[in-house]
Amino acid sequence: MKKALILAALLAGCSNKESELETGILDEEADADTDADTDADTDADTDADTDADTDADTDADTDADTDADTDADVDRTGSYTGDFTIDILESSLGLGDTCEGAADLTVDAKGEIVGLGECSFTGLAASLFGLTDTYQGELNGAITIDPVAAGTVSADVKITTLNEDWAGEFDGERFTGDFDGTFSYDVYTFTFTGQFDTERK
């Protein structure tokens, strides 16, 4: 009878140890699952945050580029008035003179440029070559790549007709341009440079 009781007690003890062992294993597996789930959730959240930040940065950069492109468009339309001059020089004689006057230009919404320049000589050329009138020049052109513009100038100054290309540039409210060339009269050869320097009204 005593042997039976002892054997029963031993079996009960073994059973309790096996139960505790199984419980420990299950607890470890549960902890492992929890850690794995937490890591997976953390990685997913990190990826989602990274994607969101990347998208936000990309959108911000795109918006900034768009705003910059929009801001780059400048309105050049209007009337521009200022100075118009033509300097002439006959090199063999060292004879020079300046035709001084005014320019009046208009720039339309398409960037087309039209206008007039007029000037008068007051030096030696006026007395030696009879250049005593006021002479007009027609200016035509267009904005090529803002702020650069280009066109042609045609001017009848009695002893010759000037037909030359001009190049110009906008700087804020200011619009300037210049041209140059040569012409012959009788036995004389002249070089000339011209310019206009205007501001928007």
N, C-alpha and C. Protein backbone atom coordinates (compact mmCIF):
# COMPACT_ATOMS: atom_id res chain seq x y z
N MET A 1 0.84 -1.20 0.00
CA MET A 1 0.00 0.00 0.00
C MET A 1 0.87 1.24 0.00
N LYS A 2 1.92 1.28 0.83
CA LYS A 2 2.85 2.41 0.90
C LYS A 2 3.55 2.60 -0.44
N LYS A 3 3.97 1.49 -1.08
CA LYS A 3 4.65 1.56 -2.38
C LYS A 3 3.74 2.20 -3.42
N ALA A 4 2.47 1.88 -3.39
CA ALA A 4 1.51 2.42 -4.36
C ALA A 4 1.38 3.91 -4.18
N LEU A 5 1.33 4.37 -2.91
CA LEU A 5 1.21 5.80 -2.65
C LEU A 5 2.44 6.56 -3.11
N ILE A 6 3.63 6.01 -2.83
CA ILE A 6 4.89 6.65 -3.25
C ILE A 6 4.96 6.78 -4.76
N LEU A 7 4.56 5.68 -5.47
CA LEU A 7 4.59 5.68 -6.94
C LEU A 7 3.64 6.72 -7.49
N ALA A 8 2.48 6.86 -6.88
CA ALA A 8 1.50 7.84 -7.34
C ALA A 8 2.03 9.25 -7.17
N ALA A 9 2.74 9.48 -6.03
CA ALA A 9 3.29 10.81 -5.77
C ALA A 9 4.36 11.16 -6.78
N LEU A 10 5.21 10.16 -7.12
CA LEU A 10 6.27 10.40 -8.11
C LEU A 10 5.69 10.74 -9.48
N LEU A 11 4.64 9.99 -9.86
CA LEU A 11 4.00 10.23 -11.16
C LEU A 11 3.38 11.62 -11.21
N ALA A 12 2.77 12.04 -10.10
CA ALA A 12 2.14 13.37 -10.04
C ALA A 12 3.18 14.46 -10.18
N GLY A 13 4.35 14.25 -9.55
CA GLY A 13 5.43 15.24 -9.64
C GLY A 13 5.95 15.38 -11.05
N CYS A 14 6.14 14.22 -11.71
CA CYS A 14 6.61 14.25 -13.10
C CYS A 14 5.62 14.97 -14.00
N SER A 15 4.35 14.71 -13.74
CA SER A 15 3.31 15.34 -14.55
C SER A 15 3.33 16.85 -14.40
N ASN A 16 3.56 17.33 -13.14
CA ASN A 16 3.62 18.77 -12.90
C ASN A 16 4.80 19.41 -13.60
N LYS A 17 5.97 18.71 -13.58
CA LYS A 17 7.16 19.25 -14.24
C LYS A 17 6.97 19.33 -15.74
N GLU A 18 6.34 18.28 -16.34
CA GLU A 18 6.08 18.31 -17.78
C GLU A 18 5.14 19.46 -18.13
N SER A 19 4.13 19.70 -17.27
CA SER A 19 3.17 20.79 -17.51
C SER A 19 3.88 22.13 -17.45
N GLU A 20 4.79 22.26 -16.42
CA GLU A 20 5.53 23.53 -16.31
C GLU A 20 6.43 23.73 -17.51
N LEU A 21 7.04 22.65 -18.00
CA LEU A 21 7.93 22.74 -19.17
C LEU A 21 7.15 23.16 -20.41
N GLU A 22 5.99 22.51 -20.59
CA GLU A 22 5.15 22.86 -21.75
C GLU A 22 4.70 24.32 -21.66
N THR A 23 4.34 24.76 -20.44
CA THR A 23 3.89 26.15 -20.26
C THR A 23 5.02 27.12 -20.61
N GLY A 24 6.26 26.77 -20.17
CA GLY A 24 7.40 27.63 -20.48
C GLY A 24 7.65 27.73 -21.96
N ILE A 25 7.55 26.60 -22.66
CA ILE A 25 7.75 26.58 -24.11
C ILE A 25 6.71 27.43 -24.80
N LEU A 26 5.44 27.27 -24.35
CA LEU A 26 4.36 28.05 -24.96
C LEU A 26 4.58 29.54 -24.72
N ASP A 27 5.05 29.89 -23.49
CA ASP A 27 5.30 31.31 -23.20
C ASP A 27 6.40 31.86 -24.09
N GLU A 28 7.47 31.05 -24.32
CA GLU A 28 8.56 31.51 -25.18
C GLU A 28 8.08 31.71 -26.60
N GLU A 29 7.24 30.75 -27.09
CA GLU A 29 6.72 30.88 -28.45
C GLU A 29 5.84 32.12 -28.57
N ALA A 30 5.02 32.39 -27.53
CA ALA A 30 4.14 33.57 -27.55
C ALA A 30 4.98 34.85 -27.58
N ASP A 31 6.06 34.86 -26.76
CA ASP A 31 6.95 36.04 -26.74
C ASP A 31 7.59 36.24 -28.11
N ALA A 32 8.01 35.13 -28.76
CA ALA A 32 8.65 35.22 -30.08
C ALA A 32 7.67 35.77 -31.11
N ASP A 33 6.43 35.29 -31.06
CA ASP A 33 5.41 35.78 -32.00
C ASP A 33 5.16 37.27 -31.79
N THR A 34 5.08 37.66 -30.51
CA THR A 34 4.82 39.07 -30.19
C THR A 34 5.96 39.94 -30.71
N ASP A 35 7.21 39.50 -30.49
CA ASP A 35 8.37 40.28 -30.96
C ASP A 35 8.36 40.38 -32.48
N ALA A 36 8.04 39.26 -33.15
CA ALA A 36 8.02 39.26 -34.62
C ALA A 36 6.95 40.22 -35.14
N ASP A 37 5.77 40.16 -34.51
CA ASP A 37 4.68 41.05 -34.93
C ASP A 37 5.07 42.51 -34.73
N THR A 38 5.70 42.79 -33.57
CA THR A 38 6.11 44.17 -33.27
C THR A 38 7.13 44.67 -34.28
N ASP A 39 8.14 43.81 -34.61
CA ASP A 39 9.15 44.19 -35.60
C ASP A 39 8.52 44.44 -36.95
N ALA A 40 7.58 43.56 -37.35
CA ALA A 40 6.92 43.71 -38.65
C ALA A 40 6.13 45.00 -38.70
N ASP A 41 5.40 45.30 -37.60
CA ASP A 41 4.62 46.54 -37.56
C ASP A 41 5.53 47.77 -37.62
N THR A 42 6.66 47.71 -36.88
CA THR A 42 7.59 48.84 -36.87
C THR A 42 8.18 49.08 -38.25
N ASP A 43 8.59 47.97 -38.94
CA ASP A 43 9.14 48.09 -40.30
C ASP A 43 8.11 48.68 -41.24
N ALA A 44 6.87 48.19 -41.12
CA ALA A 44 5.79 48.68 -42.01
C ALA A 44 5.55 50.16 -41.78
N ASP A 45 5.52 50.57 -40.48
CA ASP A 45 5.32 51.99 -40.17
C ASP A 45 6.46 52.84 -40.70
N THR A 46 7.71 52.33 -40.54
CA THR A 46 8.88 53.09 -41.02
C THR A 46 8.83 53.26 -42.52
N ASP A 47 8.51 52.16 -43.24
CA ASP A 47 8.42 52.23 -44.71
C ASP A 47 7.33 53.22 -45.12
N ALA A 48 6.20 53.15 -44.43
CA ALA A 48 5.09 54.05 -44.76
C ALA A 48 5.49 55.51 -44.53
N ASP A 49 6.18 55.78 -43.40
CA ASP A 49 6.62 57.14 -43.10
C ASP A 49 7.63 57.62 -44.13
N THR A 50 8.56 56.73 -44.52
CA THR A 50 9.58 57.09 -45.52
C THR A 50 8.93 57.43 -46.85
N ASP A 51 7.98 56.57 -47.28
CA ASP A 51 7.28 56.82 -48.55
C ASP A 51 6.53 58.14 -48.49
N ALA A 52 5.88 58.40 -47.35
CA ALA A 52 5.11 59.64 -47.20
C ALA A 52 6.03 60.85 -47.27
N ASP A 53 7.20 60.77 -46.58
CA ASP A 53 8.15 61.89 -46.61
C ASP A 53 8.69 62.11 -48.01
N THR A 54 9.00 61.00 -48.71
CA THR A 54 9.52 61.10 -50.08
C THR A 54 8.49 61.75 -51.00
N ASP A 55 7.24 61.29 -50.88
CA ASP A 55 6.18 61.88 -51.71
C ASP A 55 6.02 63.36 -51.41
N ALA A 56 6.06 63.71 -50.11
CA ALA A 56 5.90 65.11 -49.73
C ALA A 56 7.03 65.96 -50.28
N ASP A 57 8.28 65.44 -50.18
CA ASP A 57 9.43 66.19 -50.70
C ASP A 57 9.33 66.37 -52.20
N THR A 58 8.91 65.29 -52.90
CA THR A 58 8.78 65.35 -54.36
C THR A 58 7.73 66.37 -54.76
N ASP A 59 6.59 66.35 -54.05
CA ASP A 59 5.53 67.32 -54.34
C ASP A 59 6.02 68.75 -54.10
N ALA A 60 6.76 68.94 -53.01
CA ALA A 60 7.25 70.27 -52.67
C ALA A 60 8.23 70.76 -53.73
N ASP A 61 9.14 69.86 -54.18
CA ASP A 61 10.11 70.25 -55.21
C ASP A 61 9.40 70.59 -56.51
N THR A 62 8.40 69.79 -56.87
CA THR A 62 7.65 70.04 -58.10
C THR A 62 6.94 71.38 -58.04
N ASP A 63 6.30 71.65 -56.89
CA ASP A 63 5.61 72.93 -56.71
C ASP A 63 6.60 74.09 -56.82
N ALA A 64 7.79 73.92 -56.21
CA ALA A 64 8.78 74.99 -56.24
C ALA A 64 9.26 75.24 -57.66
N ASP A 65 9.50 74.16 -58.42
CA ASP A 65 9.94 74.31 -59.81
C ASP A 65 8.87 75.00 -60.64
N THR A 66 7.62 74.61 -60.41
CA THR A 66 6.51 75.22 -61.16
C THR A 66 6.40 76.69 -60.85
N ASP A 67 6.52 77.04 -59.55
CA ASP A 67 6.46 78.44 -59.16
C ASP A 67 7.60 79.23 -59.78
N ALA A 68 8.81 78.63 -59.81
CA ALA A 68 9.96 79.32 -60.39
C ALA A 68 9.75 79.58 -61.87
N ASP A 69 9.21 78.57 -62.59
CA ASP A 69 8.96 78.74 -64.01
C ASP A 69 7.93 79.83 -64.25
N THR A 70 6.92 79.86 -63.40
CA THR A 70 5.87 80.87 -63.56
C THR A 70 6.41 82.26 -63.27
N ASP A 71 7.24 82.37 -62.21
CA ASP A 71 7.78 83.66 -61.84
C ASP A 71 8.74 84.20 -62.90
N ALA A 72 9.34 83.28 -63.71
CA ALA A 72 10.33 83.69 -64.69
C ALA A 72 9.73 84.50 -65.83
N ASP A 73 8.42 84.41 -66.08
CA ASP A 73 7.76 85.16 -67.14
C ASP A 73 7.63 86.62 -66.73
N VAL A 74 8.24 87.53 -67.55
CA VAL A 74 8.23 88.95 -67.23
C VAL A 74 7.44 89.70 -68.30
N ASP A 75 6.61 90.63 -67.85
CA ASP A 75 5.83 91.45 -68.77
C ASP A 75 6.69 92.59 -69.30
N ARG A 76 6.95 92.60 -70.61
CA ARG A 76 7.77 93.66 -71.22
C ARG A 76 6.93 94.66 -72.02
N THR A 77 5.63 94.47 -72.06
CA THR A 77 4.79 95.33 -72.89
C THR A 77 4.81 96.77 -72.41
N GLY A 78 4.64 97.68 -73.38
CA GLY A 78 4.57 99.10 -73.02
C GLY A 78 5.34 99.97 -73.97
N SER A 79 5.38 101.26 -73.65
CA SER A 79 6.10 102.25 -74.44
C SER A 79 7.42 102.59 -73.75
N TYR A 80 8.48 102.66 -74.53
CA TYR A 80 9.82 102.96 -74.03
C TYR A 80 10.34 104.21 -74.74
N THR A 81 10.79 105.18 -73.98
CA THR A 81 11.33 106.41 -74.56
C THR A 81 12.70 106.71 -73.97
N GLY A 82 13.52 107.40 -74.77
CA GLY A 82 14.85 107.74 -74.28
C GLY A 82 15.71 108.33 -75.38
N ASP A 83 17.01 108.07 -75.33
CA ASP A 83 17.99 108.68 -76.23
C ASP A 83 18.25 107.80 -77.46
N PHE A 84 18.56 108.47 -78.58
CA PHE A 84 18.94 107.81 -79.82
C PHE A 84 20.14 108.56 -80.40
N THR A 85 21.25 107.87 -80.64
CA THR A 85 22.46 108.51 -81.14
C THR A 85 23.12 107.67 -82.23
N ILE A 86 23.78 108.36 -83.16
CA ILE A 86 24.60 107.71 -84.20
C ILE A 86 25.92 108.47 -84.27
N ASP A 87 27.01 107.78 -84.03
CA ASP A 87 28.35 108.38 -84.14
C ASP A 87 28.97 107.95 -85.47
N ILE A 88 29.46 108.90 -86.27
CA ILE A 88 30.11 108.58 -87.54
C ILE A 88 31.57 109.04 -87.49
N LEU A 89 32.43 108.34 -88.23
CA LEU A 89 33.85 108.68 -88.27
C LEU A 89 34.42 108.36 -89.64
N GLU A 90 35.08 109.37 -90.25
CA GLU A 90 35.83 109.16 -91.48
C GLU A 90 37.30 109.06 -91.08
N SER A 91 37.85 107.84 -91.15
CA SER A 91 39.15 107.58 -90.55
C SER A 91 40.32 108.27 -91.24
N SER A 92 40.28 108.41 -92.56
CA SER A 92 41.42 109.02 -93.27
C SER A 92 41.58 110.49 -92.91
N LEU A 93 40.48 111.16 -92.66
CA LEU A 93 40.51 112.57 -92.27
C LEU A 93 40.47 112.75 -90.76
N GLY A 94 40.08 111.69 -90.05
CA GLY A 94 39.89 111.82 -88.61
C GLY A 94 38.69 112.70 -88.30
N LEU A 95 37.71 112.66 -89.20
CA LEU A 95 36.54 113.54 -89.08
C LEU A 95 35.37 112.76 -88.49
N GLY A 96 34.84 113.23 -87.40
CA GLY A 96 33.71 112.55 -86.78
C GLY A 96 32.62 113.50 -86.35
N ASP A 97 31.46 112.95 -86.12
CA ASP A 97 30.33 113.75 -85.66
C ASP A 97 29.33 112.82 -84.99
N THR A 98 28.43 113.41 -84.24
CA THR A 98 27.41 112.64 -83.53
C THR A 98 26.03 113.19 -83.85
N CYS A 99 25.14 112.27 -84.21
CA CYS A 99 23.74 112.61 -84.44
C CYS A 99 22.99 112.27 -83.15
N GLU A 100 22.43 113.27 -82.50
CA GLU A 100 21.80 113.07 -81.19
C GLU A 100 20.31 113.36 -81.26
N GLY A 101 19.52 112.52 -80.58
CA GLY A 101 18.08 112.74 -80.57
C GLY A 101 17.37 111.81 -79.62
N ALA A 102 16.15 111.41 -80.00
CA ALA A 102 15.30 110.63 -79.10
C ALA A 102 14.76 109.39 -79.78
N ALA A 103 14.45 108.38 -78.98
CA ALA A 103 13.85 107.14 -79.47
C ALA A 103 12.52 106.92 -78.77
N ASP A 104 11.57 106.37 -79.52
CA ASP A 104 10.24 106.06 -78.98
C ASP A 104 9.85 104.68 -79.50
N LEU A 105 9.84 103.68 -78.62
CA LEU A 105 9.61 102.29 -79.00
C LEU A 105 8.38 101.72 -78.28
N THR A 106 7.77 100.71 -78.93
CA THR A 106 6.62 100.03 -78.33
C THR A 106 6.84 98.52 -78.39
N VAL A 107 6.57 97.85 -77.28
CA VAL A 107 6.65 96.39 -77.20
C VAL A 107 5.24 95.86 -76.95
N ASP A 108 4.76 94.96 -77.84
CA ASP A 108 3.41 94.44 -77.66
C ASP A 108 3.41 93.12 -76.90
N ALA A 109 2.22 92.55 -76.72
CA ALA A 109 2.08 91.33 -75.92
C ALA A 109 2.77 90.12 -76.53
N LYS A 110 3.02 90.16 -77.84
CA LYS A 110 3.71 89.06 -78.51
C LYS A 110 5.22 89.22 -78.48
N GLY A 111 5.69 90.34 -77.93
CA GLY A 111 7.13 90.60 -77.89
C GLY A 111 7.65 91.29 -79.13
N GLU A 112 6.73 91.74 -80.01
CA GLU A 112 7.14 92.48 -81.21
C GLU A 112 7.51 93.92 -80.82
N ILE A 113 8.55 94.43 -81.46
CA ILE A 113 9.06 95.77 -81.14
C ILE A 113 9.05 96.65 -82.38
N VAL A 114 8.44 97.82 -82.28
CA VAL A 114 8.43 98.80 -83.38
C VAL A 114 8.68 100.17 -82.78
N GLY A 115 9.26 101.06 -83.61
CA GLY A 115 9.47 102.40 -83.11
C GLY A 115 10.31 103.24 -84.04
N LEU A 116 10.58 104.47 -83.60
CA LEU A 116 11.35 105.44 -84.36
C LEU A 116 12.45 106.03 -83.50
N GLY A 117 13.54 106.37 -84.18
CA GLY A 117 14.59 107.16 -83.56
C GLY A 117 14.88 108.33 -84.47
N GLU A 118 15.08 109.49 -83.91
CA GLU A 118 15.42 110.65 -84.73
C GLU A 118 16.54 111.43 -84.08
N CYS A 119 17.38 112.06 -84.96
CA CYS A 119 18.54 112.77 -84.42
C CYS A 119 19.02 113.84 -85.39
N SER A 120 19.90 114.71 -84.90
CA SER A 120 20.47 115.80 -85.72
C SER A 120 21.97 115.90 -85.45
N PHE A 121 22.74 116.18 -86.51
CA PHE A 121 24.18 116.44 -86.39
C PHE A 121 24.39 117.92 -86.07
N THR A 122 25.39 118.19 -85.27
CA THR A 122 25.67 119.59 -84.92
C THR A 122 27.15 119.94 -85.06
N GLY A 123 27.98 118.96 -85.52
CA GLY A 123 29.41 119.21 -85.60
C GLY A 123 29.91 119.47 -87.00
N LEU A 124 31.13 119.02 -87.29
CA LEU A 124 31.79 119.26 -88.57
C LEU A 124 31.05 118.62 -89.73
N ALA A 125 30.48 117.42 -89.52
CA ALA A 125 29.77 116.74 -90.61
C ALA A 125 28.60 117.57 -91.10
N ALA A 126 27.94 118.22 -90.18
CA ALA A 126 26.79 119.03 -90.55
C ALA A 126 27.20 120.15 -91.50
N SER A 127 28.34 120.79 -91.24
CA SER A 127 28.78 121.91 -92.07
C SER A 127 29.46 121.44 -93.36
N LEU A 128 30.27 120.37 -93.31
CA LEU A 128 31.00 119.92 -94.49
C LEU A 128 30.14 119.14 -95.47
N PHE A 129 29.17 118.34 -94.97
CA PHE A 129 28.38 117.48 -95.84
C PHE A 129 26.91 117.89 -95.92
N GLY A 130 26.59 119.02 -95.37
CA GLY A 130 25.23 119.53 -95.47
C GLY A 130 24.21 118.71 -94.70
N LEU A 131 24.65 118.08 -93.62
CA LEU A 131 23.73 117.27 -92.80
C LEU A 131 23.06 118.17 -91.75
N THR A 132 22.16 118.96 -92.21
CA THR A 132 21.56 119.98 -91.34
C THR A 132 20.12 119.65 -90.93
N ASP A 133 19.58 118.56 -91.43
CA ASP A 133 18.20 118.21 -91.12
C ASP A 133 18.13 117.31 -89.88
N THR A 134 16.90 117.01 -89.47
CA THR A 134 16.66 115.98 -88.46
C THR A 134 16.35 114.69 -89.20
N TYR A 135 17.07 113.62 -88.84
CA TYR A 135 16.96 112.35 -89.57
C TYR A 135 16.27 111.29 -88.71
N GLN A 136 15.45 110.50 -89.38
CA GLN A 136 14.68 109.46 -88.68
C GLN A 136 15.17 108.06 -89.04
N GLY A 137 15.09 107.19 -88.06
CA GLY A 137 15.41 105.78 -88.26
C GLY A 137 14.26 104.92 -87.78
N GLU A 138 13.90 103.92 -88.57
CA GLU A 138 12.84 102.99 -88.16
C GLU A 138 13.47 101.77 -87.49
N LEU A 139 12.93 101.43 -86.35
CA LEU A 139 13.42 100.27 -85.58
C LEU A 139 12.33 99.21 -85.53
N ASN A 140 12.69 98.01 -85.93
CA ASN A 140 11.77 96.87 -85.86
C ASN A 140 12.51 95.67 -85.29
N GLY A 141 11.79 94.82 -84.56
CA GLY A 141 12.43 93.64 -83.99
C GLY A 141 11.48 92.86 -83.10
N ALA A 142 12.07 92.04 -82.25
CA ALA A 142 11.28 91.21 -81.35
C ALA A 142 12.16 90.68 -80.23
N ILE A 143 11.50 90.29 -79.14
CA ILE A 143 12.21 89.60 -78.06
C ILE A 143 12.53 88.20 -78.55
N THR A 144 13.79 87.81 -78.51
CA THR A 144 14.19 86.48 -78.95
C THR A 144 14.10 85.49 -77.80
N ILE A 145 14.99 85.60 -76.86
CA ILE A 145 14.93 84.84 -75.60
C ILE A 145 15.08 85.85 -74.48
N ASP A 146 13.97 86.12 -73.78
CA ASP A 146 13.96 87.16 -72.76
C ASP A 146 15.14 87.01 -71.80
N PRO A 147 15.89 88.08 -71.54
CA PRO A 147 15.61 89.49 -71.84
C PRO A 147 16.26 90.01 -73.13
N VAL A 148 16.71 89.12 -74.01
CA VAL A 148 17.43 89.54 -75.22
C VAL A 148 16.44 89.82 -76.35
N ALA A 149 16.74 90.86 -77.13
CA ALA A 149 15.92 91.23 -78.28
C ALA A 149 16.84 91.56 -79.45
N ALA A 150 16.28 91.52 -80.66
CA ALA A 150 17.07 91.81 -81.86
C ALA A 150 16.15 92.31 -82.96
N GLY A 151 16.75 93.01 -83.93
CA GLY A 151 15.94 93.51 -85.04
C GLY A 151 16.79 94.26 -86.03
N THR A 152 16.15 95.15 -86.81
CA THR A 152 16.84 95.94 -87.82
C THR A 152 16.53 97.42 -87.64
N VAL A 153 17.47 98.25 -88.09
CA VAL A 153 17.27 99.68 -88.08
C VAL A 153 17.53 100.19 -89.50
N SER A 154 16.67 101.09 -89.96
CA SER A 154 16.82 101.69 -91.28
C SER A 154 16.71 103.21 -91.12
N ALA A 155 17.75 103.93 -91.58
CA ALA A 155 17.78 105.38 -91.40
C ALA A 155 18.34 106.05 -92.66
N ASP A 156 17.67 107.08 -93.13
CA ASP A 156 18.13 107.88 -94.27
C ASP A 156 18.76 109.15 -93.74
N VAL A 157 20.09 109.26 -93.91
CA VAL A 157 20.81 110.43 -93.39
C VAL A 157 21.38 111.28 -94.53
N LYS A 158 20.66 111.37 -95.62
CA LYS A 158 20.95 112.22 -96.78
C LYS A 158 22.10 111.69 -97.63
N ILE A 159 23.29 111.51 -97.06
CA ILE A 159 24.43 111.06 -97.85
C ILE A 159 24.47 109.53 -97.95
N THR A 160 23.61 108.85 -97.19
CA THR A 160 23.52 107.38 -97.28
C THR A 160 22.25 106.91 -96.57
N THR A 161 21.92 105.65 -96.81
CA THR A 161 20.83 105.00 -96.08
C THR A 161 21.41 103.85 -95.28
N LEU A 162 21.18 103.89 -94.00
CA LEU A 162 21.70 102.85 -93.12
C LEU A 162 20.67 101.73 -92.98
N ASN A 163 21.11 100.50 -93.20
CA ASN A 163 20.28 99.31 -92.96
C ASN A 163 21.13 98.29 -92.22
N GLU A 164 20.92 98.19 -90.93
CA GLU A 164 21.76 97.34 -90.10
C GLU A 164 20.93 96.55 -89.09
N ASP A 165 21.54 95.50 -88.58
CA ASP A 165 20.93 94.73 -87.49
C ASP A 165 21.29 95.36 -86.15
N TRP A 166 20.34 95.36 -85.24
CA TRP A 166 20.64 95.80 -83.89
C TRP A 166 20.41 94.66 -82.90
N ALA A 167 21.10 94.73 -81.76
CA ALA A 167 20.93 93.76 -80.67
C ALA A 167 20.65 94.52 -79.39
N GLY A 168 19.70 94.05 -78.62
CA GLY A 168 19.32 94.77 -77.41
C GLY A 168 19.02 93.86 -76.24
N GLU A 169 18.75 94.49 -75.10
CA GLU A 169 18.49 93.72 -73.87
C GLU A 169 17.65 94.55 -72.91
N PHE A 170 16.75 93.86 -72.22
CA PHE A 170 15.94 94.48 -71.17
C PHE A 170 16.63 94.29 -69.82
N ASP A 171 16.54 95.32 -68.98
CA ASP A 171 17.06 95.25 -67.62
C ASP A 171 16.11 96.01 -66.73
N GLY A 172 15.16 95.28 -66.13
CA GLY A 172 14.12 95.93 -65.36
C GLY A 172 13.24 96.76 -66.28
N GLU A 173 13.14 98.05 -66.00
CA GLU A 173 12.32 98.96 -66.82
C GLU A 173 13.13 99.57 -67.97
N ARG A 174 14.38 99.20 -68.08
CA ARG A 174 15.27 99.78 -69.09
C ARG A 174 15.41 98.85 -70.29
N PHE A 175 15.49 99.45 -71.49
CA PHE A 175 15.68 98.69 -72.74
C PHE A 175 16.72 99.42 -73.58
N THR A 176 17.84 98.75 -73.85
CA THR A 176 18.92 99.35 -74.62
C THR A 176 19.28 98.46 -75.81
N GLY A 177 19.89 99.08 -76.82
CA GLY A 177 20.33 98.34 -77.98
C GLY A 177 21.39 99.11 -78.74
N ASP A 178 22.13 98.41 -79.62
CA ASP A 178 23.17 99.08 -80.41
C ASP A 178 23.32 98.42 -81.77
N PHE A 179 23.97 99.13 -82.67
CA PHE A 179 24.21 98.64 -84.03
C PHE A 179 25.46 99.33 -84.57
N ASP A 180 26.03 98.81 -85.64
CA ASP A 180 27.22 99.43 -86.24
C ASP A 180 27.35 99.01 -87.69
N GLY A 181 28.24 99.71 -88.42
CA GLY A 181 28.44 99.38 -89.83
C GLY A 181 29.36 100.38 -90.50
N THR A 182 29.39 100.34 -91.83
CA THR A 182 30.20 101.27 -92.63
C THR A 182 29.39 101.75 -93.83
N PHE A 183 29.76 102.89 -94.38
CA PHE A 183 29.17 103.37 -95.63
C PHE A 183 30.17 104.29 -96.33
N SER A 184 29.97 104.45 -97.61
CA SER A 184 30.85 105.30 -98.42
C SER A 184 30.08 106.48 -98.98
N TYR A 185 30.78 107.62 -99.08
CA TYR A 185 30.20 108.81 -99.70
C TYR A 185 31.32 109.52 -100.46
N ASP A 186 31.09 109.65 -101.78
CA ASP A 186 32.12 110.24 -102.64
C ASP A 186 33.40 109.41 -102.48
N VAL A 187 34.50 110.02 -102.07
CA VAL A 187 35.76 109.28 -101.90
C VAL A 187 36.00 108.91 -100.44
N TYR A 188 35.00 109.14 -99.60
CA TYR A 188 35.17 108.94 -98.17
C TYR A 188 34.49 107.64 -97.71
N THR A 189 35.12 107.01 -96.75
CA THR A 189 34.53 105.82 -96.13
C THR A 189 34.32 106.09 -94.64
N PHE A 190 33.10 105.90 -94.22
CA PHE A 190 32.74 106.17 -92.82
C PHE A 190 32.43 104.87 -92.08
N THR A 191 32.79 104.85 -90.83
CA THR A 191 32.28 103.83 -89.91
C THR A 191 31.30 104.51 -88.97
N PHE A 192 30.35 103.75 -88.49
CA PHE A 192 29.37 104.35 -87.57
C PHE A 192 28.95 103.34 -86.50
N THR A 193 28.56 103.87 -85.37
CA THR A 193 27.95 103.08 -84.29
C THR A 193 26.73 103.84 -83.81
N GLY A 194 25.68 103.10 -83.54
CA GLY A 194 24.45 103.72 -83.05
C GLY A 194 23.92 103.00 -81.83
N GLN A 195 23.11 103.69 -81.07
CA GLN A 195 22.51 103.07 -79.90
C GLN A 195 21.22 103.77 -79.48
N PHE A 196 20.38 103.02 -78.79
CA PHE A 196 19.23 103.62 -78.13
C PHE A 196 19.23 103.18 -76.67
N ASP A 197 18.83 104.08 -75.82
CA ASP A 197 18.82 103.83 -74.37
C ASP A 197 17.50 104.37 -73.83
N THR A 198 16.56 103.46 -73.55
CA THR A 198 15.21 103.88 -73.21
C THR A 198 14.74 103.28 -71.88
N GLU A 199 13.66 103.85 -71.36
CA GLU A 199 13.00 103.32 -70.16
C GLU A 199 11.49 103.28 -70.40
N ARG A 200 10.84 102.31 -69.77
CA ARG A 200 9.40 102.17 -69.93
C ARG A 200 8.67 103.32 -69.22
N LYS A 201 7.69 103.88 -69.92
CA LYS A 201 6.92 105.00 -69.36
C LYS A 201 5.90 104.50 -68.34
